[in-house]
Amino acid sequence: MLYPLIRAGDVLLPVLAREVVARVATGEDVGTYAGSGVHHLRVTDPELVDPWYLAGFLSSAEGGRQAASVTSSPSTRYRVDPRRVRIPLPPIDQQRAYGHTFRSIAEFTTAVRAVHDLGIDLARDLAETVTADLRASLTDSRPTAHR
């Protein structure tokens, strides 16, 4: 079976995860296939459901609890089933306001992860620099053999 192409505004979430995190498809996702490890939800009526609101609610503790069931794996992964989630449907204007907030939180989370990754890279580079300096100082201080 061929999976449908992802469109902007589709909501994607993993089938198995340690934490339920849904996201709205954007730029690089568009025109690709989600595959079997990803739930692909399409909002067919944007006047009924805001995709950012949907993704935000699915990613919340409440939505995650409803969607997740524990698998038997030793790493405590959850099987995610979005069909189990009861999503409140306030008026679309209210959904859009919450959706805007959820989108801001998602963008903030992405920025924090990027800073974290840069910090880890910097720490590794610093450790390598110190190690190289240590090696150089040990090499310079070795006694040389006289002939």
Protein backbone atom coordinates (compact mmCIF):
# COMPACT_ATOMS: atom_id res chain seq x y z
CA MET A 1 0.00 0.00 0.00
CA LEU A 2 1.31 3.43 -0.91
CA TYR A 3 1.04 6.09 1.77
CA PRO A 4 -0.35 9.51 0.77
CA LEU A 5 2.07 12.36 0.18
CA ILE A 6 2.45 14.72 3.10
CA ARG A 7 0.92 18.17 2.66
CA ALA A 8 1.60 21.35 4.60
CA GLY A 9 -0.63 21.33 7.67
CA ASP A 10 -0.77 17.54 8.07
CA VAL A 11 -0.13 16.34 11.61
CA LEU A 12 2.57 13.70 12.12
CA LEU A 13 3.32 11.63 15.20
CA PRO A 14 5.33 8.47 15.78
CA VAL A 15 3.71 5.06 16.13
CA LEU A 16 6.22 4.12 18.87
CA ALA A 17 7.79 6.72 21.16
CA ARG A 18 9.13 7.37 24.65
CA GLU A 19 7.13 10.59 24.65
CA VAL A 20 4.13 11.49 22.51
CA VAL A 21 5.14 14.43 20.32
CA ALA A 22 2.99 15.42 17.38
CA ARG A 23 4.12 18.01 14.88
CA VAL A 24 2.68 19.89 11.95
CA ALA A 25 4.24 19.12 8.59
CA THR A 26 6.11 22.05 7.09
CA GLY A 27 8.64 22.78 4.31
CA GLU A 28 10.90 19.76 4.05
CA ASP A 29 8.11 17.30 4.94
CA VAL A 30 5.84 18.39 2.09
CA GLY A 31 5.80 16.01 -0.86
CA THR A 32 7.41 13.12 1.05
CA TYR A 33 5.87 9.95 2.45
CA ALA A 34 5.35 9.43 6.18
CA GLY A 35 5.99 5.68 6.13
CA SER A 36 4.76 2.97 8.46
CA GLY A 37 6.37 4.31 11.65
CA VAL A 38 4.45 7.58 11.57
CA HIS A 39 0.77 8.37 12.02
CA HIS A 40 -0.24 10.79 9.29
CA LEU A 41 -3.31 12.84 10.16
CA ARG A 42 -4.86 15.14 7.58
CA VAL A 43 -7.08 18.00 8.60
CA THR A 44 -9.67 17.93 5.84
CA ASP A 45 -11.69 20.88 7.10
CA PRO A 46 -9.54 23.74 8.49
CA GLU A 47 -12.75 25.51 9.55
CA LEU A 48 -13.43 22.63 11.97
CA VAL A 49 -9.93 21.79 13.33
CA ASP A 50 -6.74 23.85 13.46
CA PRO A 51 -3.69 21.60 12.78
CA TRP A 52 -1.45 23.36 15.33
CA TYR A 53 -4.18 23.01 17.96
CA LEU A 54 -4.52 19.30 17.12
CA ALA A 55 -0.75 18.69 17.28
CA GLY A 56 -0.45 20.67 20.50
CA PHE A 57 -3.26 18.82 22.22
CA LEU A 58 -1.91 15.42 21.08
CA SER A 59 1.51 16.38 22.49
CA SER A 60 0.12 17.54 25.83
CA ALA A 61 0.30 15.34 28.92
CA GLU A 62 -3.45 14.75 28.71
CA GLY A 63 -3.41 13.89 25.01
CA GLY A 64 -0.31 11.73 25.44
CA ARG A 65 -1.87 9.75 28.28
CA GLN A 66 -4.93 9.03 26.17
CA ALA A 67 -2.96 8.13 23.03
CA ALA A 68 -0.23 6.00 24.60
CA SER A 69 -0.24 2.40 25.70
CA VAL A 70 2.90 0.77 27.08
CA THR A 71 4.60 -1.80 24.88
CA SER A 72 6.54 -4.71 26.29
CA SER A 73 9.92 -3.34 25.23
CA PRO A 74 12.59 -2.85 27.90
CA SER A 75 13.10 0.80 26.88
CA THR A 76 9.56 1.77 27.96
CA ARG A 77 8.28 2.92 24.63
CA TYR A 78 4.65 3.70 24.08
CA ARG A 79 2.48 2.60 21.22
CA VAL A 80 0.71 5.76 20.10
CA ASP A 81 -2.86 5.54 18.85
CA PRO A 82 -4.38 8.96 18.14
CA ARG A 83 -7.82 7.37 17.67
CA ARG A 84 -7.99 6.91 21.45
CA VAL A 85 -7.76 10.63 22.17
CA ARG A 86 -10.85 12.68 22.92
CA ILE A 87 -10.00 16.11 21.59
CA PRO A 88 -12.08 19.03 22.83
CA LEU A 89 -13.34 21.14 19.93
CA PRO A 90 -13.83 24.74 20.99
CA PRO A 91 -14.84 27.28 18.30
CA ILE A 92 -12.27 27.56 15.50
CA ASP A 93 -11.15 31.05 16.54
CA GLN A 94 -10.28 29.74 19.99
CA GLN A 95 -8.52 26.72 18.46
CA ARG A 96 -6.46 29.06 16.28
CA ALA A 97 -5.46 31.13 19.29
CA TYR A 98 -4.38 27.99 21.17
CA GLY A 99 -2.81 26.67 17.96
CA HIS A 100 -0.73 29.85 17.67
CA THR A 101 0.48 29.33 21.24
CA PHE A 102 1.26 25.65 20.60
CA ARG A 103 3.19 26.66 17.47
CA SER A 104 5.22 29.19 19.47
CA ILE A 105 6.00 26.49 22.04
CA ALA A 106 7.07 24.10 19.26
CA GLU A 107 9.36 26.76 17.75
CA PHE A 108 10.81 27.52 21.20
CA THR A 109 11.41 23.79 21.79
CA THR A 110 13.22 23.54 18.43
CA ALA A 111 15.41 26.53 19.33
CA VAL A 112 16.23 25.09 22.78
CA ARG A 113 17.20 21.75 21.21
CA ALA A 114 19.43 23.54 18.69
CA VAL A 115 21.17 25.48 21.49
CA HIS A 116 21.55 22.24 23.46
CA ASP A 117 23.12 20.50 20.46
CA LEU A 118 25.49 23.42 19.90
CA GLY A 119 26.46 23.34 23.58
CA ILE A 120 27.22 19.61 23.39
CA ASP A 121 29.32 20.18 20.24
CA LEU A 122 31.19 23.01 21.97
CA ALA A 123 31.89 20.85 25.03
CA ARG A 124 33.26 18.05 22.80
CA ASP A 125 35.43 20.52 20.89
CA LEU A 126 36.77 21.94 24.15
CA ALA A 127 37.55 18.45 25.46
CA GLU A 128 39.39 17.64 22.21
CA THR A 129 41.35 20.90 22.44
CA VAL A 130 42.40 20.15 26.03
CA THR A 131 43.35 16.58 25.08
CA ALA A 132 45.42 17.80 22.12
CA ASP A 133 47.14 20.35 24.39
CA LEU A 134 47.85 17.61 26.94
CA ARG A 135 49.36 15.36 24.26
CA ALA A 136 51.51 18.21 22.98
CA SER A 137 52.75 19.09 26.46
CA LEU A 138 53.64 15.46 27.18
CA THR A 139 55.48 15.14 23.89
CA ASP A 140 57.42 18.37 24.51
CA SER A 141 58.46 17.31 28.01
CA ARG A 142 59.83 13.84 27.10
CA PRO A 143 63.52 13.51 27.63
CA THR A 144 65.39 13.01 24.40
CA ALA A 145 67.95 10.24 24.03
CA HIS A 146 71.59 11.32 23.56
CA ARG A 147 73.87 9.46 21.22
